[in-house]
Amino acid sequence: MEFGLFVQGYVGKRAETDPLAEHKALMEETEYVIQADKSGFKYAWASEHHFLEEYSHLSANDVFLGYLAHATERIHLGSGIFNPLAQVNHPVKVAEKVAMLDHLSEGRHEFGSGRGAGSHEILGFLPGITDMNHTKEIWEETIAEFPKMWLQEEYEGFQGKHWSLPPRKVLPKPYGKSHPPMWYAAGSPPSYAMAARKGLGVLGFSVQKVSDMEWVLEQYKTAIREAEPIGDYVNDNVMVTSTAVCAPTHAEAVRIAAAGGLHYLQSLVFRYHDTFPRPEGFPVWPETLPEFNEELIELLIQEELLICGDPDEVLAQCKRWEQAGADQLSFGLPIGISKEDTLQTIRLVGEHVIPKIDTDPVHRTTRFRESA
């Protein structure tokens, strides 16, 4: 199992007391990716969200990743996601950005795509629609065109329901062999199977706990065996995310996590991702979950909803994800904790966890790309 880091420009309530909160959040997250590169993480994923105040201010993630392409050496830099709906980003512009990032990173870009976070974001670009699943139709029409734009000397052009383009040379072409690995941000079980049939890796942001892996893998790994890849190769990959806090002692890690504002982040998730099933009894915004205390943090650890503890405990918790079949475990970090505590988590995981689980020096996606 490989390791990644997930960043999204989360600002939270800090802007209420600090006029530079937005700037600090974005710049700190570049530091986290740079440290992850030094600490042996293989992937960093940067979100693309629009209009989601406090929750995610990372809208221009292509710019963010371009900066990191120069600031890092080995870590793969992924769009988690680029939104290729024509009403948000014209598909040709997306293809150009992906290829450019592939050059700037010298083959370290990972192309993750998706359809938007919820009605607040989607209706900003597609006003008036009543069914948020309408975006699936647009994405399905578009996604298979990207490998053609990258690999055909002159793209044959496209005439679809939602966008069109006459034959044109789409430039630049990707760096080196083939094209960057392709991923899809999937939520429901049918989405995992759909992505697998297309030969796409899955960004499993919807997977909350280890026991969720069973239905994910059943849907995905069965379908991937009969994949008809839309690209040059099959990217057989399931990435899952979990919040992580690692400290020298268990008590310190729990204290840090309890102060991390996880209750507010979770409340914002359901404020904006209104297409997610809302857990029974979950408060409706602007009401939020109560602050988490150390007792609740211990319960979240026990229920495998949070990776938290000293290095040995975090290693054991990560091994549970590996045993469950995750191909990649990507860490979201509690934003309410200090920069020093966040960097400590990244360093400790790099020193004590990654070397004992990920012993392959080559990125999994690199092997797939080289096989094309």
Protein backbone atom coordinates (compact mmCIF):
# COMPACT_ATOMS: atom_id res chain seq x y z
CA MET A 1 0.00 0.00 0.00
CA GLU A 2 1.22 3.46 -0.94
CA PHE A 3 0.71 6.73 0.93
CA GLY A 4 -0.58 10.13 -0.07
CA LEU A 5 -1.58 13.51 1.33
CA PHE A 6 -4.81 15.36 0.57
CA VAL A 7 -5.08 19.16 0.75
CA GLN A 8 -8.02 21.42 -0.04
CA GLY A 9 -7.40 24.94 1.23
CA TYR A 10 -9.54 24.53 4.34
CA VAL A 11 -9.81 27.85 6.18
CA GLY A 12 -12.52 27.17 8.75
CA LYS A 13 -13.22 29.79 11.41
CA ARG A 14 -9.70 31.19 11.42
CA ALA A 15 -10.75 34.09 9.19
CA GLU A 16 -12.93 35.43 12.03
CA THR A 17 -9.81 36.45 13.95
CA ASP A 18 -7.03 36.51 11.35
CA PRO A 19 -7.34 38.59 8.15
CA LEU A 20 -4.51 36.53 6.61
CA ALA A 21 -6.12 33.17 7.41
CA GLU A 22 -6.84 32.29 3.78
CA HIS A 23 -3.30 33.09 2.67
CA LYS A 24 -1.77 31.18 5.58
CA ALA A 25 -3.92 28.11 4.91
CA LEU A 26 -2.86 27.91 1.27
CA MET A 27 0.83 28.52 1.96
CA GLU A 28 0.93 26.08 4.88
CA GLU A 29 -0.51 23.36 2.66
CA THR A 30 2.30 23.83 0.15
CA GLU A 31 4.70 23.25 3.07
CA TYR A 32 2.87 20.06 3.99
CA VAL A 33 3.26 18.67 0.46
CA ILE A 34 6.94 19.63 0.35
CA GLN A 35 7.51 17.85 3.68
CA ALA A 36 5.54 14.82 2.47
CA ASP A 37 7.85 14.63 -0.55
CA LYS A 38 10.87 14.60 1.75
CA SER A 39 9.21 12.04 4.04
CA GLY A 40 8.57 9.40 1.39
CA PHE A 41 4.89 9.95 0.60
CA LYS A 42 4.29 9.02 -3.03
CA TYR A 43 1.24 11.17 -3.81
CA ALA A 44 -0.28 14.55 -3.01
CA TRP A 45 -3.83 15.37 -4.07
CA ALA A 46 -5.19 18.92 -4.38
CA SER A 47 -8.93 19.59 -4.58
CA GLU A 48 -10.82 21.82 -6.99
CA HIS A 49 -13.80 23.45 -5.31
CA HIS A 50 -15.68 26.66 -5.98
CA PHE A 51 -17.77 28.88 -3.70
CA LEU A 52 -17.32 26.62 -0.64
CA GLU A 53 -16.49 29.22 2.01
CA GLU A 54 -14.38 27.94 4.90
CA TYR A 55 -14.49 24.34 3.63
CA SER A 56 -12.22 24.67 0.58
CA HIS A 57 -10.61 27.77 -0.91
CA LEU A 58 -8.39 25.75 -3.27
CA SER A 59 -10.14 26.58 -6.54
CA ALA A 60 -7.19 27.06 -8.94
CA ASN A 61 -5.45 23.79 -8.13
CA ASP A 62 -3.64 23.72 -11.47
CA VAL A 63 -1.72 26.82 -10.35
CA PHE A 64 -1.12 25.27 -6.93
CA LEU A 65 0.21 22.05 -8.48
CA GLY A 66 2.38 23.97 -10.93
CA TYR A 67 4.13 25.65 -8.01
CA LEU A 68 4.61 22.29 -6.29
CA ALA A 69 6.01 20.72 -9.46
CA HIS A 70 9.04 22.98 -9.02
CA ALA A 71 9.13 22.75 -5.22
CA THR A 72 9.17 18.93 -4.99
CA GLU A 73 11.31 16.15 -6.45
CA ARG A 74 9.68 12.71 -6.27
CA ILE A 75 6.10 12.94 -5.06
CA HIS A 76 3.36 12.56 -7.67
CA LEU A 77 1.02 15.55 -7.85
CA GLY A 78 -2.62 14.76 -8.45
CA SER A 79 -5.76 16.71 -9.22
CA GLY A 80 -8.24 15.63 -6.65
CA ILE A 81 -10.02 16.70 -8.80
CA PHE A 82 -10.05 18.64 -12.07
CA ASN A 83 -13.68 19.25 -13.06
CA PRO A 84 -13.95 18.55 -16.82
CA LEU A 85 -17.58 19.59 -17.26
CA ALA A 86 -17.62 22.03 -20.16
CA GLN A 87 -19.65 24.56 -18.17
CA VAL A 88 -16.87 24.63 -15.51
CA ASN A 89 -13.65 24.01 -17.48
CA HIS A 90 -13.63 23.41 -21.22
CA PRO A 91 -12.31 19.85 -21.79
CA VAL A 92 -9.58 21.02 -24.16
CA LYS A 93 -8.31 23.44 -21.52
CA VAL A 94 -8.26 20.58 -19.01
CA ALA A 95 -6.30 18.39 -21.43
CA GLU A 96 -3.79 21.19 -21.94
CA LYS A 97 -3.38 21.78 -18.19
CA VAL A 98 -2.85 18.07 -17.52
CA ALA A 99 -0.18 17.80 -20.21
CA MET A 100 1.53 20.99 -19.04
CA LEU A 101 1.66 19.75 -15.44
CA ASP A 102 3.03 16.47 -16.75
CA HIS A 103 5.91 18.41 -18.31
CA LEU A 104 6.57 20.68 -15.34
CA SER A 105 6.65 17.69 -12.98
CA GLU A 106 8.53 15.51 -15.51
CA GLY A 107 5.94 12.75 -15.51
CA ARG A 108 4.68 13.08 -11.93
CA HIS A 109 1.14 14.31 -12.62
CA GLU A 110 -1.95 12.22 -11.81
CA PHE A 111 -5.20 13.23 -13.51
CA GLY A 112 -8.15 12.84 -11.18
CA SER A 113 -11.55 13.97 -12.41
CA GLY A 114 -15.00 14.37 -10.91
CA ARG A 115 -18.31 16.21 -11.16
CA GLY A 116 -18.47 18.76 -8.33
CA ALA A 117 -19.25 18.72 -4.63
CA GLY A 118 -22.99 19.37 -4.33
CA SER A 119 -25.82 21.67 -5.32
CA HIS A 120 -24.17 24.90 -4.07
CA GLU A 121 -21.15 24.34 -6.33
CA ILE A 122 -22.91 22.69 -9.26
CA LEU A 123 -25.72 25.27 -9.52
CA GLY A 124 -23.14 28.03 -9.71
CA PHE A 125 -22.17 26.74 -13.16
CA LEU A 126 -25.37 24.97 -14.22
CA PRO A 127 -28.14 27.19 -12.84
CA GLY A 128 -31.64 25.85 -13.04
CA ILE A 129 -30.99 22.11 -13.13
CA THR A 130 -33.05 20.12 -10.65
CA ASP A 131 -31.20 16.80 -10.74
CA MET A 132 -27.56 16.90 -9.64
CA ASN A 133 -27.01 13.59 -11.47
CA HIS A 134 -27.23 15.61 -14.70
CA THR A 135 -23.50 16.18 -14.29
CA LYS A 136 -22.86 12.46 -14.74
CA GLU A 137 -24.14 12.64 -18.31
CA ILE A 138 -21.76 15.50 -19.11
CA TRP A 139 -18.78 13.76 -17.49
CA GLU A 140 -19.55 10.46 -19.27
CA GLU A 141 -19.68 12.27 -22.63
CA THR A 142 -16.32 13.90 -21.99
CA ILE A 143 -13.93 11.60 -20.14
CA ALA A 144 -13.01 9.27 -23.02
CA GLU A 145 -11.94 12.21 -25.18
CA PHE A 146 -8.88 13.07 -23.09
CA PRO A 147 -6.63 10.19 -24.23
CA LYS A 148 -7.52 11.03 -27.83
CA MET A 149 -6.53 14.68 -27.33
CA TRP A 150 -3.21 13.59 -25.83
CA LEU A 151 -2.31 10.71 -28.15
CA GLN A 152 -3.67 11.67 -31.56
CA GLU A 153 -1.28 13.90 -33.49
CA GLU A 154 -4.30 15.93 -34.53
CA TYR A 155 -7.32 15.40 -32.33
CA GLU A 156 -10.15 14.19 -34.52
CA GLY A 157 -12.59 16.62 -32.94
CA PHE A 158 -15.85 16.06 -31.11
CA GLN A 159 -19.52 16.84 -31.60
CA GLY A 160 -21.49 16.10 -28.46
CA LYS A 161 -24.60 17.20 -26.66
CA HIS A 162 -22.78 19.47 -24.22
CA TRP A 163 -19.67 20.64 -26.10
CA SER A 164 -17.94 20.37 -29.45
CA LEU A 165 -14.61 21.06 -31.13
CA PRO A 166 -13.42 20.81 -34.74
CA PRO A 167 -10.22 18.85 -35.47
CA ARG A 168 -7.28 20.57 -33.83
CA LYS A 169 -3.78 19.79 -32.55
CA VAL A 170 -4.09 19.84 -28.77
CA LEU A 171 -0.76 20.98 -27.33
CA PRO A 172 1.40 20.26 -25.51
CA LYS A 173 1.37 16.50 -25.67
CA PRO A 174 2.11 14.72 -22.37
CA TYR A 175 5.69 14.23 -21.22
CA GLY A 176 7.38 10.95 -22.11
CA LYS A 177 5.47 7.77 -22.71
CA SER A 178 1.69 7.57 -22.99
CA HIS A 179 -0.35 9.92 -20.75
CA PRO A 180 -0.82 10.59 -17.01
CA PRO A 181 -2.76 8.04 -14.96
CA MET A 182 -6.50 8.69 -14.92
CA TRP A 183 -8.68 8.57 -11.79
CA TYR A 184 -12.32 9.22 -10.89
CA ALA A 185 -13.71 10.52 -7.60
CA ALA A 186 -16.39 7.92 -6.87
CA GLY A 187 -19.09 7.89 -4.21
CA SER A 188 -21.64 5.12 -4.64
CA PRO A 189 -20.86 1.41 -5.29
CA PRO A 190 -22.06 1.63 -8.92
CA SER A 191 -19.59 4.50 -9.48
CA TYR A 192 -16.69 2.29 -8.41
CA ALA A 193 -17.72 -0.40 -10.88
CA MET A 194 -18.25 2.17 -13.64
CA ALA A 195 -14.77 3.61 -13.11
CA ALA A 196 -13.24 0.14 -13.10
CA ARG A 197 -14.89 -0.79 -16.39
CA LYS A 198 -13.29 2.30 -17.93
CA GLY A 199 -9.89 1.34 -16.52
CA LEU A 200 -9.78 4.31 -14.14
CA GLY A 201 -8.36 4.41 -10.65
CA VAL A 202 -10.79 5.51 -7.93
CA LEU A 203 -10.36 8.38 -5.50
CA GLY A 204 -12.42 6.96 -2.65
CA PHE A 205 -13.22 10.11 -0.70
CA SER A 206 -16.46 8.45 0.41
CA VAL A 207 -14.73 5.61 2.28
CA GLN A 208 -14.94 6.48 5.98
CA LYS A 209 -13.71 3.37 7.81
CA VAL A 210 -11.86 0.12 7.20
CA SER A 211 -15.07 -1.92 7.03
CA ASP A 212 -16.20 0.20 4.06
CA MET A 213 -13.42 -1.35 1.98
CA GLU A 214 -15.37 -4.58 1.55
CA TRP A 215 -18.04 -3.18 -0.74
CA VAL A 216 -15.55 -0.87 -2.47
CA LEU A 217 -13.22 -3.69 -3.44
CA GLU A 218 -16.03 -6.06 -4.37
CA GLN A 219 -17.44 -3.55 -6.82
CA TYR A 220 -14.12 -2.33 -8.16
CA LYS A 221 -11.77 -5.32 -8.28
CA THR A 222 -14.40 -7.54 -9.90
CA ALA A 223 -15.16 -5.03 -12.64
CA ILE A 224 -11.52 -4.10 -13.31
CA ARG A 225 -10.79 -7.65 -14.51
CA GLU A 226 -12.93 -7.00 -17.59
CA ALA A 227 -11.97 -3.36 -18.06
CA GLU A 228 -12.12 -1.80 -21.50
CA PRO A 229 -9.83 1.14 -20.77
CA ILE A 230 -10.68 4.48 -22.30
CA GLY A 231 -7.00 5.37 -22.02
CA ASP A 232 -3.75 3.74 -23.00
CA TYR A 233 -3.70 1.39 -20.01
CA VAL A 234 -5.64 0.24 -16.94
CA ASN A 235 -4.98 2.12 -13.69
CA ASP A 236 -5.98 -0.60 -11.20
CA ASN A 237 -6.02 1.55 -8.08
CA VAL A 238 -8.28 2.34 -5.15
CA MET A 239 -7.21 5.32 -3.02
CA VAL A 240 -8.97 5.97 0.28
CA THR A 241 -8.69 8.88 2.69
CA SER A 242 -8.54 9.10 6.46
CA THR A 243 -7.73 11.85 8.92
CA ALA A 244 -4.42 11.20 10.68
CA VAL A 245 -2.64 12.51 13.76
CA CYS A 246 0.66 11.03 14.87
CA ALA A 247 2.66 12.19 17.91
CA PRO A 248 5.43 10.75 20.11
CA THR A 249 2.83 9.50 22.65
CA HIS A 250 -0.77 8.34 22.46
CA ALA A 251 -1.90 10.98 24.95
CA GLU A 252 -0.35 13.78 22.94
CA ALA A 253 -1.91 12.56 19.69
CA VAL A 254 -5.38 12.40 21.28
CA ARG A 255 -4.95 15.88 22.75
CA ILE A 256 -3.94 17.27 19.35
CA ALA A 257 -6.86 15.57 17.59
CA ALA A 258 -9.37 16.84 20.15
CA ALA A 259 -8.22 20.39 19.42
CA GLY A 260 -8.32 19.89 15.65
CA GLY A 261 -11.81 21.15 14.92
CA LEU A 262 -12.91 17.87 13.37
CA HIS A 263 -16.53 18.50 14.38
CA TYR A 264 -16.64 21.69 12.33
CA LEU A 265 -14.98 20.15 9.28
CA GLN A 266 -17.50 17.28 9.34
CA SER A 267 -20.36 19.78 9.64
CA LEU A 268 -19.08 21.65 6.58
CA VAL A 269 -18.90 18.38 4.64
CA PHE A 270 -22.65 17.93 4.96
CA ARG A 271 -23.29 21.63 4.47
CA TYR A 272 -21.86 21.50 0.97
CA HIS A 273 -21.96 17.83 -0.05
CA ASP A 274 -25.72 17.72 0.13
CA THR A 275 -25.83 14.80 -2.29
CA PHE A 276 -24.24 12.60 0.41
CA PRO A 277 -26.68 10.56 2.54
CA ARG A 278 -27.05 12.50 5.81
CA PRO A 279 -26.56 10.31 8.90
CA GLU A 280 -29.62 10.04 11.10
CA GLY A 281 -29.66 12.81 13.70
CA PHE A 282 -26.89 14.81 12.00
CA PRO A 283 -27.48 18.55 12.57
CA VAL A 284 -28.61 20.74 9.67
CA TRP A 285 -26.45 23.80 8.92
CA PRO A 286 -25.97 26.33 10.48
CA GLU A 287 -26.19 24.00 13.46
CA THR A 288 -22.95 22.03 13.83
CA LEU A 289 -21.77 18.97 15.65
CA PRO A 290 -20.57 19.65 19.20
CA GLU A 291 -16.83 19.90 19.71
CA PHE A 292 -15.04 16.57 20.01
CA ASN A 293 -13.47 15.82 23.38
CA GLU A 294 -10.73 13.31 24.09
CA GLU A 295 -13.25 10.62 25.01
CA LEU A 296 -14.91 10.92 21.60
CA ILE A 297 -11.52 10.87 19.87
CA GLU A 298 -10.79 7.57 21.61
CA LEU A 299 -14.12 6.24 20.33
CA LEU A 300 -13.35 7.35 16.77
CA ILE A 301 -10.01 5.51 16.98
CA GLN A 302 -11.75 2.39 18.29
CA GLU A 303 -14.33 2.52 15.49
CA GLU A 304 -11.51 2.92 12.91
CA LEU A 305 -12.82 6.31 11.82
CA LEU A 306 -9.60 8.12 12.71
CA ILE A 307 -5.91 7.26 12.49
CA CYS A 308 -4.43 8.60 15.69
CA GLY A 309 -1.74 7.62 18.16
CA ASP A 310 1.96 7.11 18.62
CA PRO A 311 4.01 5.78 15.67
CA ASP A 312 3.48 2.11 16.58
CA GLU A 313 -0.28 2.60 16.91
CA VAL A 314 -0.49 4.51 13.63
CA LEU A 315 1.52 1.76 11.93
CA ALA A 316 -0.96 -0.86 13.18
CA GLN A 317 -3.92 1.26 12.06
CA CYS A 318 -2.44 1.74 8.60
CA LYS A 319 -1.79 -1.99 8.30
CA ARG A 320 -5.52 -2.54 8.82
CA TRP A 321 -6.17 -0.51 5.66
CA GLU A 322 -3.50 -2.46 3.82
CA GLN A 323 -4.99 -5.78 4.93
CA ALA A 324 -8.42 -4.59 3.81
CA GLY A 325 -7.02 -4.11 0.31
CA ALA A 326 -6.50 -0.37 -0.11
CA ASP A 327 -3.95 0.38 -2.83
CA GLN A 328 -3.28 3.87 -1.44
CA LEU A 329 -4.03 5.55 1.88
CA SER A 330 -4.14 9.34 1.65
CA PHE A 331 -4.17 11.48 4.78
CA GLY A 332 -6.32 14.49 5.39
CA LEU A 333 -4.97 16.53 8.29
CA PRO A 334 -6.97 18.29 11.02
CA ILE A 335 -6.81 21.96 10.12
CA GLY A 336 -7.39 23.26 13.61
CA ILE A 337 -4.01 22.08 14.83
CA SER A 338 -0.77 23.97 14.55
CA LYS A 339 1.54 23.83 11.57
CA GLU A 340 4.21 22.28 13.81
CA ASP A 341 1.90 19.44 14.89
CA THR A 342 0.86 18.81 11.28
CA LEU A 343 4.45 18.63 10.08
CA GLN A 344 5.21 16.33 13.01
CA THR A 345 2.55 13.89 11.81
CA ILE A 346 4.00 13.88 8.30
CA ARG A 347 7.57 13.38 9.55
CA LEU A 348 6.68 10.61 12.02
CA VAL A 349 4.65 8.71 9.43
CA GLY A 350 7.55 9.06 7.00
CA GLU A 351 10.07 7.80 9.55
CA HIS A 352 8.14 4.99 11.27
CA VAL A 353 5.20 3.89 9.10
CA ILE A 354 5.86 4.21 5.37
CA PRO A 355 9.18 2.27 5.35
CA LYS A 356 7.43 -0.70 7.02
CA ILE A 357 4.52 -0.86 4.58
CA ASP A 358 5.53 0.64 1.22
CA THR A 359 8.80 -1.04 0.29
CA ASP A 360 8.55 -0.55 -3.48
CA PRO A 361 10.62 2.44 -4.63
CA VAL A 362 8.57 2.77 -7.84
CA HIS A 363 5.12 4.37 -7.88
CA ARG A 364 2.32 1.94 -8.73
CA THR A 365 0.99 4.28 -11.39
CA THR A 366 4.43 4.59 -12.97
CA ARG A 367 4.48 0.84 -13.56
CA PHE A 368 1.05 1.00 -15.21
CA ARG A 369 2.10 3.90 -17.42
CA GLU A 370 5.34 2.22 -18.46
CA SER A 371 3.36 -0.90 -19.44
CA ALA A 372 1.37 1.01 -22.08
